[in-house]
């Protein structure tokens, strides 16, 4: 009888790194782990091409992170025997929603949010919020609020004996968000405003890290 991927019996928890993996049997290959990470039940990670996950990351249920692909340019049908590996990097403070897919060779920047069901086939800038297939930017997290949380070391993982994402006693139901997000300008200035905000965030985070 197969194990239920949502069963707590399959979960592993590392109290040293505060690392919680609910379906460890679905992870293949070596991963460079940060600290304070939650991997939801049913999530599959094919890490043979290389995966690095930063601190304070939540990856929800039933996601797919895939680092290899078949060589479809080879003179063989339907594809060649070579398996091409490209690493995936997930930055600090990233949240990946349920059923999202991250393809090989992708870098998800610090603090980014990947919405439910999104298919990420190109890099995601820091603090960007992406949705859809293919994933596209609908806004950015507040840079001010994000830096304030980093300075105060305010994360879900306030206790060392449990996972902050799946065993947090402080979770509560609310009807609205406590903050605001940055939204891109309307057409025809949308693309320019997204590039400008991505550059502004990248510069601010680099300055903060160097201080």
N, C-alpha and C. Protein backbone atom coordinates (compact mmCIF):
# COMPACT_ATOMS: atom_id res chain seq x y z
N UNK A 1 0.86 -1.19 0.00
CA UNK A 1 0.00 0.00 0.00
C UNK A 1 0.89 1.24 0.00
N UNK A 2 0.59 2.20 -0.92
CA UNK A 2 1.42 3.39 -1.05
C UNK A 2 1.17 4.35 0.11
N UNK A 3 2.23 5.08 0.50
CA UNK A 3 2.07 6.08 1.54
C UNK A 3 1.23 7.24 1.03
N UNK A 4 0.38 7.76 1.89
CA UNK A 4 -0.38 8.96 1.58
C UNK A 4 0.56 10.15 1.68
N UNK A 5 0.76 10.93 0.58
CA UNK A 5 1.72 12.04 0.64
C UNK A 5 1.30 13.13 1.61
N UNK A 6 0.04 13.13 2.04
CA UNK A 6 -0.42 14.15 2.97
C UNK A 6 -0.41 13.67 4.42
N UNK A 7 0.07 12.45 4.62
CA UNK A 7 0.10 11.89 5.96
C UNK A 7 1.24 12.48 6.77
N UNK A 8 0.98 12.90 8.02
CA UNK A 8 2.05 13.42 8.88
C UNK A 8 3.17 12.40 9.11
N UNK A 9 2.87 11.11 8.90
CA UNK A 9 3.88 10.08 9.14
C UNK A 9 5.07 10.19 8.19
N UNK A 10 4.86 10.80 7.02
CA UNK A 10 5.94 10.93 6.04
C UNK A 10 6.79 12.17 6.27
N UNK A 11 6.39 13.04 7.18
CA UNK A 11 7.05 14.32 7.40
C UNK A 11 8.36 14.14 8.15
N UNK A 12 9.36 14.95 7.77
CA UNK A 12 10.58 15.01 8.56
C UNK A 12 10.80 16.46 9.01
N UNK A 13 11.38 16.61 10.18
CA UNK A 13 11.63 17.94 10.74
C UNK A 13 13.02 17.97 11.34
N UNK A 14 13.82 18.93 10.88
CA UNK A 14 15.18 19.12 11.39
C UNK A 14 15.17 20.32 12.33
N UNK A 15 15.26 20.11 13.63
CA UNK A 15 15.19 21.23 14.57
C UNK A 15 16.41 22.15 14.53
N UNK A 16 17.52 21.65 14.00
CA UNK A 16 18.71 22.49 13.91
C UNK A 16 18.54 23.57 12.84
N UNK A 17 18.05 23.16 11.68
CA UNK A 17 17.83 24.11 10.58
C UNK A 17 16.40 24.63 10.53
N UNK A 18 15.51 24.10 11.38
CA UNK A 18 14.08 24.40 11.29
C UNK A 18 13.59 24.12 9.87
N UNK A 19 13.93 22.93 9.41
CA UNK A 19 13.59 22.48 8.06
C UNK A 19 12.48 21.45 8.16
N UNK A 20 11.36 21.71 7.49
CA UNK A 20 10.21 20.81 7.51
C UNK A 20 9.91 20.35 6.08
N UNK A 21 9.97 19.04 5.84
CA UNK A 21 9.67 18.48 4.53
C UNK A 21 8.53 17.47 4.72
N UNK A 22 7.37 17.74 4.16
CA UNK A 22 6.21 16.89 4.40
C UNK A 22 6.17 15.64 3.51
N UNK A 23 6.85 15.68 2.35
CA UNK A 23 6.89 14.49 1.48
C UNK A 23 8.33 14.27 1.01
N UNK A 24 9.23 13.85 1.93
CA UNK A 24 10.65 13.72 1.58
C UNK A 24 10.91 12.71 0.48
N UNK A 25 10.04 11.73 0.30
CA UNK A 25 10.24 10.71 -0.73
C UNK A 25 10.09 11.28 -2.13
N UNK A 26 9.58 12.49 -2.26
CA UNK A 26 9.41 13.12 -3.56
C UNK A 26 10.57 14.03 -3.95
N UNK A 27 11.63 14.00 -3.18
CA UNK A 27 12.81 14.83 -3.47
C UNK A 27 13.92 13.93 -3.99
N UNK A 28 14.42 14.26 -5.18
CA UNK A 28 15.47 13.48 -5.82
C UNK A 28 16.66 14.38 -6.11
N UNK A 29 17.85 13.98 -5.63
CA UNK A 29 19.05 14.78 -5.86
C UNK A 29 19.43 15.57 -4.62
N UNK A 30 20.53 16.31 -4.74
CA UNK A 30 21.07 17.07 -3.62
C UNK A 30 20.61 18.51 -3.66
N UNK A 31 20.21 19.02 -2.51
CA UNK A 31 19.76 20.40 -2.39
C UNK A 31 20.64 21.13 -1.38
N UNK A 32 20.99 22.37 -1.69
CA UNK A 32 21.69 23.23 -0.75
C UNK A 32 20.62 23.97 0.05
N UNK A 33 20.49 23.59 1.32
CA UNK A 33 19.43 24.12 2.15
C UNK A 33 19.88 25.33 2.95
N UNK A 34 19.00 26.31 3.10
CA UNK A 34 19.19 27.38 4.06
C UNK A 34 18.58 26.96 5.39
N UNK A 35 18.08 27.93 6.14
CA UNK A 35 17.41 27.67 7.42
C UNK A 35 15.97 28.17 7.34
N UNK A 36 15.13 27.57 8.19
CA UNK A 36 13.73 27.96 8.30
C UNK A 36 13.03 27.81 6.94
N UNK A 37 12.84 26.55 6.56
CA UNK A 37 12.25 26.22 5.26
C UNK A 37 11.12 25.22 5.47
N UNK A 38 10.04 25.42 4.74
CA UNK A 38 8.91 24.49 4.75
C UNK A 38 8.63 24.04 3.32
N UNK A 39 8.57 22.71 3.12
CA UNK A 39 8.22 22.12 1.83
C UNK A 39 6.91 21.34 2.03
N UNK A 40 5.85 21.76 1.37
CA UNK A 40 4.54 21.19 1.59
C UNK A 40 4.38 19.79 1.03
N UNK A 41 3.35 19.10 1.52
CA UNK A 41 3.06 17.73 1.10
C UNK A 41 2.76 17.66 -0.39
N UNK A 42 3.23 16.59 -1.02
CA UNK A 42 2.98 16.39 -2.44
C UNK A 42 3.89 17.15 -3.37
N UNK A 43 4.79 17.98 -2.84
CA UNK A 43 5.71 18.73 -3.69
C UNK A 43 6.86 17.84 -4.16
N UNK A 44 7.13 17.90 -5.47
CA UNK A 44 8.21 17.11 -6.07
C UNK A 44 9.35 18.03 -6.47
N UNK A 45 10.56 17.66 -6.07
CA UNK A 45 11.76 18.44 -6.44
C UNK A 45 12.75 17.49 -7.11
N UNK A 46 12.98 17.70 -8.39
CA UNK A 46 14.00 16.96 -9.14
C UNK A 46 15.24 17.85 -9.14
N UNK A 47 16.19 17.51 -8.26
CA UNK A 47 17.32 18.40 -7.99
C UNK A 47 18.62 17.91 -8.60
N UNK A 48 18.57 17.00 -9.54
CA UNK A 48 19.82 16.49 -10.13
C UNK A 48 20.60 17.58 -10.85
N UNK A 49 19.92 18.59 -11.34
CA UNK A 49 20.61 19.69 -12.00
C UNK A 49 21.09 20.75 -11.04
N UNK A 50 20.75 20.61 -9.76
CA UNK A 50 21.18 21.56 -8.73
C UNK A 50 20.05 22.46 -8.27
N UNK A 51 19.80 22.47 -6.95
CA UNK A 51 18.79 23.35 -6.35
C UNK A 51 19.39 23.99 -5.10
N UNK A 52 19.21 25.28 -4.98
CA UNK A 52 19.62 26.02 -3.78
C UNK A 52 18.42 26.78 -3.25
N UNK A 53 18.11 26.59 -1.96
CA UNK A 53 16.97 27.25 -1.34
C UNK A 53 17.47 28.08 -0.17
N UNK A 54 17.15 29.36 -0.18
CA UNK A 54 17.62 30.28 0.86
C UNK A 54 16.83 30.18 2.14
N UNK A 55 17.14 31.06 3.08
CA UNK A 55 16.47 31.09 4.38
C UNK A 55 15.03 31.59 4.26
N UNK A 56 14.19 31.16 5.20
CA UNK A 56 12.83 31.70 5.36
C UNK A 56 11.99 31.52 4.10
N UNK A 57 11.93 30.30 3.62
CA UNK A 57 11.22 29.98 2.38
C UNK A 57 10.06 29.03 2.68
N UNK A 58 8.91 29.28 2.08
CA UNK A 58 7.76 28.38 2.14
C UNK A 58 7.39 27.96 0.72
N UNK A 59 7.39 26.65 0.48
CA UNK A 59 6.92 26.08 -0.78
C UNK A 59 5.69 25.24 -0.44
N UNK A 60 4.57 25.56 -1.01
CA UNK A 60 3.29 24.99 -0.60
C UNK A 60 3.09 23.58 -1.16
N UNK A 61 1.85 23.09 -1.04
CA UNK A 61 1.49 21.74 -1.47
C UNK A 61 1.59 21.57 -2.99
N UNK A 62 1.95 20.35 -3.40
CA UNK A 62 1.81 19.88 -4.79
C UNK A 62 2.54 20.75 -5.81
N UNK A 63 3.64 21.35 -5.43
CA UNK A 63 4.45 22.12 -6.38
C UNK A 63 5.43 21.18 -7.10
N UNK A 64 5.99 21.66 -8.21
CA UNK A 64 6.99 20.91 -8.96
C UNK A 64 8.17 21.84 -9.24
N UNK A 65 9.35 21.41 -8.84
CA UNK A 65 10.59 22.12 -9.17
C UNK A 65 11.45 21.13 -9.93
N UNK A 66 11.76 21.44 -11.19
CA UNK A 66 12.41 20.47 -12.08
C UNK A 66 13.66 21.08 -12.67
N UNK A 67 14.79 20.40 -12.55
CA UNK A 67 16.07 20.98 -12.97
C UNK A 67 16.67 20.30 -14.19
N UNK A 68 16.01 19.29 -14.73
CA UNK A 68 16.57 18.61 -15.90
C UNK A 68 15.54 18.57 -17.03
N UNK A 69 16.05 18.42 -18.24
CA UNK A 69 15.18 18.31 -19.40
C UNK A 69 15.86 17.40 -20.42
N UNK A 70 15.07 16.79 -21.29
CA UNK A 70 15.63 15.95 -22.34
C UNK A 70 16.11 16.81 -23.51
N UNK A 71 17.09 16.30 -24.24
CA UNK A 71 17.66 17.01 -25.38
C UNK A 71 16.79 16.75 -26.62
N UNK A 72 15.85 17.65 -26.86
CA UNK A 72 14.94 17.49 -28.00
C UNK A 72 15.57 17.90 -29.33
N UNK A 73 16.78 18.48 -29.28
CA UNK A 73 17.46 18.87 -30.52
C UNK A 73 18.32 17.74 -31.07
N UNK A 74 18.48 16.67 -30.33
CA UNK A 74 19.24 15.51 -30.79
C UNK A 74 18.49 14.82 -31.94
N UNK A 75 19.23 14.13 -32.80
CA UNK A 75 18.64 13.42 -33.94
C UNK A 75 18.09 12.07 -33.49
N UNK A 76 17.13 12.14 -32.59
CA UNK A 76 16.52 10.94 -32.03
C UNK A 76 15.09 11.29 -31.63
N UNK A 77 14.17 10.37 -31.82
CA UNK A 77 12.77 10.64 -31.53
C UNK A 77 12.32 9.87 -30.28
N UNK A 78 11.51 10.48 -29.42
CA UNK A 78 11.05 11.87 -29.46
C UNK A 78 12.06 12.87 -28.91
N UNK A 79 13.12 12.34 -28.29
CA UNK A 79 14.21 13.19 -27.80
C UNK A 79 15.43 12.31 -27.58
N UNK A 80 16.59 12.97 -27.41
CA UNK A 80 17.84 12.25 -27.25
C UNK A 80 18.00 11.67 -25.86
N UNK A 81 19.10 10.94 -25.68
CA UNK A 81 19.34 10.27 -24.41
C UNK A 81 19.99 11.17 -23.36
N UNK A 82 20.51 12.32 -23.78
CA UNK A 82 21.14 13.25 -22.83
C UNK A 82 20.08 13.93 -21.98
N UNK A 83 20.38 14.08 -20.72
CA UNK A 83 19.53 14.83 -19.79
C UNK A 83 20.28 16.11 -19.41
N UNK A 84 19.73 17.23 -19.79
CA UNK A 84 20.38 18.53 -19.62
C UNK A 84 19.95 19.14 -18.29
N UNK A 85 20.91 19.35 -17.41
CA UNK A 85 20.62 19.90 -16.09
C UNK A 85 20.95 21.38 -16.00
N UNK A 86 20.03 22.15 -15.46
CA UNK A 86 20.24 23.57 -15.20
C UNK A 86 19.73 23.88 -13.80
N UNK A 87 20.53 24.55 -12.98
CA UNK A 87 20.16 24.73 -11.57
C UNK A 87 19.00 25.70 -11.36
N UNK A 88 18.29 25.49 -10.28
CA UNK A 88 17.23 26.40 -9.83
C UNK A 88 17.68 27.01 -8.51
N UNK A 89 17.55 28.33 -8.40
CA UNK A 89 17.92 29.05 -7.19
C UNK A 89 16.69 29.78 -6.65
N UNK A 90 16.36 29.53 -5.41
CA UNK A 90 15.22 30.17 -4.75
C UNK A 90 15.77 31.02 -3.62
N UNK A 91 15.59 32.32 -3.72
CA UNK A 91 16.20 33.25 -2.78
C UNK A 91 15.52 33.29 -1.43
N UNK A 92 16.11 34.05 -0.56
CA UNK A 92 15.62 34.21 0.81
C UNK A 92 14.22 34.82 0.82
N UNK A 93 13.37 34.34 1.75
CA UNK A 93 12.07 34.96 1.96
C UNK A 93 11.06 34.71 0.86
N UNK A 94 11.27 33.70 0.02
CA UNK A 94 10.36 33.42 -1.09
C UNK A 94 9.17 32.59 -0.61
N UNK A 95 8.01 32.86 -1.19
CA UNK A 95 6.80 32.06 -0.94
C UNK A 95 6.30 31.56 -2.28
N UNK A 96 6.20 30.23 -2.42
CA UNK A 96 5.70 29.62 -3.65
C UNK A 96 4.36 28.96 -3.33
N UNK A 97 3.30 29.40 -4.01
CA UNK A 97 1.95 28.93 -3.74
C UNK A 97 1.67 27.55 -4.31
N UNK A 98 0.55 27.00 -3.91
CA UNK A 98 0.17 25.62 -4.24
C UNK A 98 0.09 25.39 -5.76
N UNK A 99 0.55 24.22 -6.17
CA UNK A 99 0.49 23.76 -7.56
C UNK A 99 1.34 24.57 -8.53
N UNK A 100 2.26 25.37 -8.02
CA UNK A 100 3.16 26.11 -8.91
C UNK A 100 4.22 25.18 -9.49
N UNK A 101 4.71 25.55 -10.67
CA UNK A 101 5.76 24.79 -11.35
C UNK A 101 6.93 25.72 -11.65
N UNK A 102 8.13 25.28 -11.28
CA UNK A 102 9.35 26.04 -11.57
C UNK A 102 10.21 25.19 -12.48
N UNK A 103 10.51 25.69 -13.67
CA UNK A 103 11.27 24.92 -14.65
C UNK A 103 12.77 25.11 -14.46
N UNK A 104 13.56 24.34 -15.18
CA UNK A 104 15.01 24.33 -15.00
C UNK A 104 15.65 25.66 -15.37
N UNK A 105 16.74 25.96 -14.68
CA UNK A 105 17.53 27.15 -14.97
C UNK A 105 16.96 28.45 -14.45
N UNK A 106 16.01 28.39 -13.53
CA UNK A 106 15.30 29.58 -13.06
C UNK A 106 15.91 30.09 -11.76
N UNK A 107 15.95 31.41 -11.64
CA UNK A 107 16.35 32.08 -10.40
C UNK A 107 15.16 32.90 -9.91
N UNK A 108 14.70 32.60 -8.69
CA UNK A 108 13.62 33.37 -8.07
C UNK A 108 14.25 34.27 -7.03
N UNK A 109 14.12 35.56 -7.23
CA UNK A 109 14.82 36.53 -6.39
C UNK A 109 14.27 36.62 -4.98
N UNK A 110 15.04 37.24 -4.12
CA UNK A 110 14.71 37.37 -2.71
C UNK A 110 13.32 37.97 -2.50
N UNK A 111 12.56 37.35 -1.60
CA UNK A 111 11.27 37.91 -1.21
C UNK A 111 10.17 37.82 -2.23
N UNK A 112 10.41 37.12 -3.34
CA UNK A 112 9.38 37.04 -4.39
C UNK A 112 8.24 36.12 -3.96
N UNK A 113 7.08 36.28 -4.61
CA UNK A 113 5.91 35.44 -4.37
C UNK A 113 5.46 34.86 -5.69
N UNK A 114 5.32 33.53 -5.73
CA UNK A 114 4.82 32.82 -6.91
C UNK A 114 3.40 32.36 -6.59
N UNK A 115 2.42 32.84 -7.35
CA UNK A 115 1.03 32.54 -7.06
C UNK A 115 0.65 31.09 -7.35
N UNK A 116 -0.50 30.68 -6.83
CA UNK A 116 -0.99 29.32 -7.01
C UNK A 116 -1.12 29.00 -8.50
N UNK A 117 -0.60 27.82 -8.89
CA UNK A 117 -0.75 27.36 -10.25
C UNK A 117 0.13 28.04 -11.28
N UNK A 118 1.00 28.94 -10.86
CA UNK A 118 1.86 29.65 -11.81
C UNK A 118 2.89 28.70 -12.41
N UNK A 119 3.27 28.95 -13.65
CA UNK A 119 4.33 28.19 -14.32
C UNK A 119 5.48 29.17 -14.58
N UNK A 120 6.56 29.00 -13.82
CA UNK A 120 7.69 29.94 -13.88
C UNK A 120 8.70 29.42 -14.88
N UNK A 121 8.81 30.10 -16.00
CA UNK A 121 9.73 29.69 -17.07
C UNK A 121 10.79 30.74 -17.36
N UNK A 122 10.81 31.82 -16.57
CA UNK A 122 11.88 32.81 -16.66
C UNK A 122 12.13 33.38 -15.28
N UNK A 123 13.27 34.02 -15.10
CA UNK A 123 13.68 34.50 -13.78
C UNK A 123 12.64 35.48 -13.21
N UNK A 124 12.53 35.45 -11.88
CA UNK A 124 11.60 36.32 -11.16
C UNK A 124 12.41 37.33 -10.35
N UNK A 125 12.20 38.63 -10.55
CA UNK A 125 12.97 39.63 -9.79
C UNK A 125 12.64 39.58 -8.29
N UNK A 126 13.53 40.11 -7.49
CA UNK A 126 13.30 40.18 -6.05
C UNK A 126 12.03 40.96 -5.72
N UNK A 127 11.27 40.45 -4.76
CA UNK A 127 10.02 41.03 -4.26
C UNK A 127 8.89 41.05 -5.28
N UNK A 128 9.10 40.48 -6.46
CA UNK A 128 8.04 40.46 -7.47
C UNK A 128 6.95 39.47 -7.08
N UNK A 129 5.72 39.76 -7.48
CA UNK A 129 4.58 38.86 -7.32
C UNK A 129 4.17 38.41 -8.71
N UNK A 130 4.26 37.10 -8.98
CA UNK A 130 3.96 36.58 -10.31
C UNK A 130 2.82 35.58 -10.24
N UNK A 131 2.03 35.55 -11.31
CA UNK A 131 0.91 34.61 -11.42
C UNK A 131 0.81 34.16 -12.88
N UNK A 132 0.04 33.10 -13.12
CA UNK A 132 -0.32 32.73 -14.48
C UNK A 132 0.61 31.75 -15.15
N UNK A 133 0.26 31.38 -16.38
CA UNK A 133 1.02 30.46 -17.23
C UNK A 133 1.13 31.05 -18.63
N UNK A 134 2.35 31.52 -19.00
CA UNK A 134 3.56 31.61 -18.17
C UNK A 134 3.43 32.71 -17.13
N UNK A 135 4.20 32.59 -16.05
CA UNK A 135 4.10 33.54 -14.95
C UNK A 135 4.49 34.95 -15.40
N UNK A 136 3.73 35.93 -14.95
CA UNK A 136 4.01 37.33 -15.28
C UNK A 136 3.84 38.17 -14.01
N UNK A 137 4.45 39.33 -14.00
CA UNK A 137 4.48 40.19 -12.82
C UNK A 137 3.18 40.99 -12.72
N UNK A 138 2.53 40.90 -11.55
CA UNK A 138 1.33 41.71 -11.30
C UNK A 138 1.60 42.80 -10.26
N UNK A 139 2.74 42.74 -9.62
CA UNK A 139 3.08 43.74 -8.63
C UNK A 139 4.35 43.37 -7.89
N UNK A 140 4.68 44.16 -6.88
CA UNK A 140 5.85 43.91 -6.03
C UNK A 140 5.45 44.06 -4.57
N UNK A 141 6.08 43.26 -3.72
CA UNK A 141 5.90 43.45 -2.29
C UNK A 141 6.45 44.81 -1.88
N UNK A 142 5.96 45.31 -0.75
CA UNK A 142 6.44 46.59 -0.23
C UNK A 142 7.91 46.45 0.18
N UNK A 143 8.77 47.25 -0.42
CA UNK A 143 10.19 47.23 -0.07
C UNK A 143 10.39 47.69 1.38
N UNK A 144 9.64 48.70 1.79
CA UNK A 144 9.76 49.23 3.14
C UNK A 144 9.40 48.17 4.18
N UNK A 145 8.26 47.48 3.97
CA UNK A 145 7.82 46.45 4.91
C UNK A 145 8.77 45.26 4.93
N UNK A 146 9.29 44.89 3.75
CA UNK A 146 10.20 43.75 3.68
C UNK A 146 11.50 44.03 4.44
N UNK A 147 12.08 45.21 4.22
CA UNK A 147 13.32 45.55 4.90
C UNK A 147 13.09 45.69 6.41
N UNK A 148 11.94 46.19 6.81
CA UNK A 148 11.63 46.29 8.24
C UNK A 148 11.57 44.91 8.88
N UNK A 149 10.97 43.93 8.16
CA UNK A 149 10.90 42.57 8.68
C UNK A 149 12.29 41.94 8.79
N UNK A 150 13.15 42.22 7.81
CA UNK A 150 14.50 41.69 7.85
C UNK A 150 15.29 42.30 9.00
N UNK A 151 15.19 43.60 9.18
CA UNK A 151 15.94 44.26 10.26
C UNK A 151 15.51 43.73 11.62
N UNK A 152 14.23 43.47 11.78
CA UNK A 152 13.71 42.99 13.07
C UNK A 152 13.80 41.47 13.20
N UNK A 153 14.30 40.82 12.13
CA UNK A 153 14.36 39.35 12.10
C UNK A 153 12.99 38.75 12.41
N UNK A 154 11.95 39.32 11.80
CA UNK A 154 10.58 38.89 12.04
C UNK A 154 10.19 37.86 10.98
N UNK A 155 10.06 36.60 11.38
CA UNK A 155 9.71 35.52 10.46
C UNK A 155 8.61 34.66 11.09
N UNK A 156 8.12 33.68 10.32
CA UNK A 156 7.14 32.72 10.85
C UNK A 156 7.74 31.84 11.94
N UNK A 157 9.07 31.68 11.91
CA UNK A 157 9.73 30.71 12.78
C UNK A 157 10.16 31.38 14.09
N UNK A 158 9.21 31.63 14.96
CA UNK A 158 9.50 32.28 16.23
C UNK A 158 9.89 31.27 17.31
N UNK A 159 9.63 29.97 17.05
CA UNK A 159 9.96 28.93 18.02
C UNK A 159 10.88 27.91 17.37
N UNK A 160 11.73 27.29 18.19
CA UNK A 160 12.72 26.34 17.67
C UNK A 160 12.26 24.89 17.73
N UNK A 161 11.04 24.65 18.22
CA UNK A 161 10.60 23.26 18.38
C UNK A 161 9.49 22.87 17.41
N UNK A 162 9.17 23.75 16.47
CA UNK A 162 8.10 23.44 15.52
C UNK A 162 8.27 24.22 14.23
N UNK A 163 7.57 23.76 13.18
CA UNK A 163 7.61 24.44 11.89
C UNK A 163 6.72 25.67 11.93
N UNK A 164 7.26 26.81 11.56
CA UNK A 164 6.49 28.04 11.59
C UNK A 164 5.41 28.13 10.55
N UNK A 165 5.50 27.28 9.51
CA UNK A 165 4.53 27.35 8.42
C UNK A 165 3.36 26.39 8.60
N UNK A 166 3.56 25.26 9.27
CA UNK A 166 2.46 24.29 9.40
C UNK A 166 2.04 24.04 10.85
N UNK A 167 2.75 24.61 11.82
CA UNK A 167 2.39 24.41 13.23
C UNK A 167 2.41 25.73 14.00
N UNK A 168 2.04 26.79 13.34
CA UNK A 168 2.15 28.11 13.96
C UNK A 168 0.88 28.45 14.73
N UNK A 169 0.95 28.58 16.04
CA UNK A 169 -0.26 28.87 16.83
C UNK A 169 -0.79 30.29 16.63
N UNK A 170 -0.01 31.14 15.97
CA UNK A 170 -0.43 32.53 15.79
C UNK A 170 -1.24 32.75 14.52
N UNK A 171 -1.42 31.72 13.69
CA UNK A 171 -2.23 31.89 12.49
C UNK A 171 -3.67 32.25 12.87
N UNK A 172 -4.26 33.14 12.11
CA UNK A 172 -5.63 33.59 12.38
C UNK A 172 -6.31 33.95 11.06
N UNK A 173 -7.62 34.00 11.08
CA UNK A 173 -8.39 34.36 9.90
C UNK A 173 -8.61 35.87 9.87
N UNK A 174 -8.35 36.46 8.70
CA UNK A 174 -8.57 37.90 8.52
C UNK A 174 -9.35 38.13 7.23
N UNK A 175 -9.92 39.30 7.09
CA UNK A 175 -10.70 39.62 5.90
C UNK A 175 -9.96 40.52 4.92
N UNK A 176 -8.81 41.04 5.32
CA UNK A 176 -8.04 41.93 4.44
C UNK A 176 -6.59 41.90 4.86
N UNK A 177 -5.72 42.28 3.91
CA UNK A 177 -4.29 42.33 4.19
C UNK A 177 -3.95 43.51 5.08
N UNK A 178 -2.88 43.38 5.83
CA UNK A 178 -2.45 44.46 6.72
C UNK A 178 -1.54 45.46 6.01
N UNK A 179 -1.16 45.16 4.78
CA UNK A 179 -0.25 46.06 4.05
C UNK A 179 -0.70 46.27 2.63
N UNK A 180 0.14 46.96 1.87
CA UNK A 180 -0.15 47.25 0.47
C UNK A 180 0.99 46.77 -0.41
N UNK A 181 0.69 46.50 -1.67
CA UNK A 181 1.71 46.11 -2.62
C UNK A 181 1.83 47.18 -3.70
N UNK A 182 2.99 47.22 -4.33
CA UNK A 182 3.21 48.15 -5.44
C UNK A 182 2.64 47.54 -6.71
N UNK A 183 1.85 48.30 -7.45
CA UNK A 183 1.27 47.82 -8.70
C UNK A 183 1.89 48.56 -9.88
N UNK A 184 2.13 47.87 -10.99
CA UNK A 184 2.72 48.53 -12.16
C UNK A 184 1.75 49.53 -12.77
N UNK A 185 2.31 50.52 -13.45
CA UNK A 185 1.47 51.48 -14.15
C UNK A 185 0.73 50.80 -15.28
N UNK A 186 -0.30 51.44 -15.80
CA UNK A 186 -1.07 50.89 -16.91
C UNK A 186 -0.32 51.07 -18.23
N UNK A 187 -0.81 50.38 -19.25
CA UNK A 187 -0.18 50.51 -20.57
C UNK A 187 -0.28 51.97 -21.02
N UNK A 188 0.70 52.48 -21.82
CA UNK A 188 1.84 51.75 -22.40
C UNK A 188 3.11 51.79 -21.54
N UNK A 189 2.98 52.23 -20.28
CA UNK A 189 4.15 52.41 -19.42
C UNK A 189 4.39 51.23 -18.49
N UNK A 190 3.59 50.15 -18.62
CA UNK A 190 3.67 49.03 -17.70
C UNK A 190 5.07 48.41 -17.66
N UNK A 191 5.63 48.09 -18.84
CA UNK A 191 6.92 47.43 -18.91
C UNK A 191 8.02 48.29 -18.30
N UNK A 192 8.00 49.58 -18.60
CA UNK A 192 9.02 50.49 -18.05
C UNK A 192 8.91 50.58 -16.54
N UNK A 193 7.68 50.64 -16.02
CA UNK A 193 7.50 50.77 -14.57
C UNK A 193 7.97 49.51 -13.84
N UNK A 194 7.75 48.33 -14.43
CA UNK A 194 8.20 47.08 -13.82
C UNK A 194 9.72 47.03 -13.78
N UNK A 195 10.37 47.41 -14.89
CA UNK A 195 11.84 47.40 -14.92
C UNK A 195 12.41 48.40 -13.93
N UNK A 196 11.78 49.56 -13.83
CA UNK A 196 12.26 50.58 -12.89
C UNK A 196 12.13 50.10 -11.46
N UNK A 197 10.99 49.48 -11.09
CA UNK A 197 10.79 49.01 -9.73
C UNK A 197 11.73 47.86 -9.40
N UNK A 198 11.95 46.94 -10.37
CA UNK A 198 12.88 45.83 -10.15
C UNK A 198 14.28 46.35 -9.90
N UNK A 199 14.69 47.35 -10.66
CA UNK A 199 16.03 47.95 -10.48
C UNK A 199 16.12 48.63 -9.11
N UNK A 200 15.09 49.35 -8.71
CA UNK A 200 15.07 50.04 -7.42
C UNK A 200 15.18 49.05 -6.27
N UNK A 201 14.44 47.95 -6.35
CA UNK A 201 14.47 46.94 -5.29
C UNK A 201 15.83 46.25 -5.25
N UNK A 202 16.35 45.89 -6.42
CA UNK A 202 17.64 45.21 -6.46
C UNK A 202 18.73 46.08 -5.85
N UNK A 203 18.71 47.36 -6.13
CA UNK A 203 19.72 48.28 -5.59
C UNK A 203 19.57 48.42 -4.08
N UNK A 204 18.31 48.53 -3.61
CA UNK A 204 18.09 48.69 -2.17
C UNK A 204 18.51 47.45 -1.40
N UNK A 205 18.21 46.27 -1.91
CA UNK A 205 18.59 45.04 -1.23
C UNK A 205 20.10 44.86 -1.21
N UNK A 206 20.76 45.22 -2.32
CA UNK A 206 22.21 45.14 -2.36
C UNK A 206 22.84 46.08 -1.35
N UNK A 207 22.30 47.28 -1.23
CA UNK A 207 22.81 48.25 -0.26
C UNK A 207 22.62 47.75 1.16
N UNK A 208 21.45 47.18 1.43
CA UNK A 208 21.17 46.65 2.77
C UNK A 208 22.12 45.51 3.12
N UNK A 209 22.35 44.61 2.18
CA UNK A 209 23.21 43.45 2.43
C UNK A 209 24.65 43.86 2.67
N UNK A 210 25.08 44.96 2.06
CA UNK A 210 26.47 45.41 2.19
C UNK A 210 26.71 46.20 3.47
N UNK A 211 25.63 46.60 4.14
CA UNK A 211 25.79 47.39 5.37
C UNK A 211 26.00 46.51 6.58
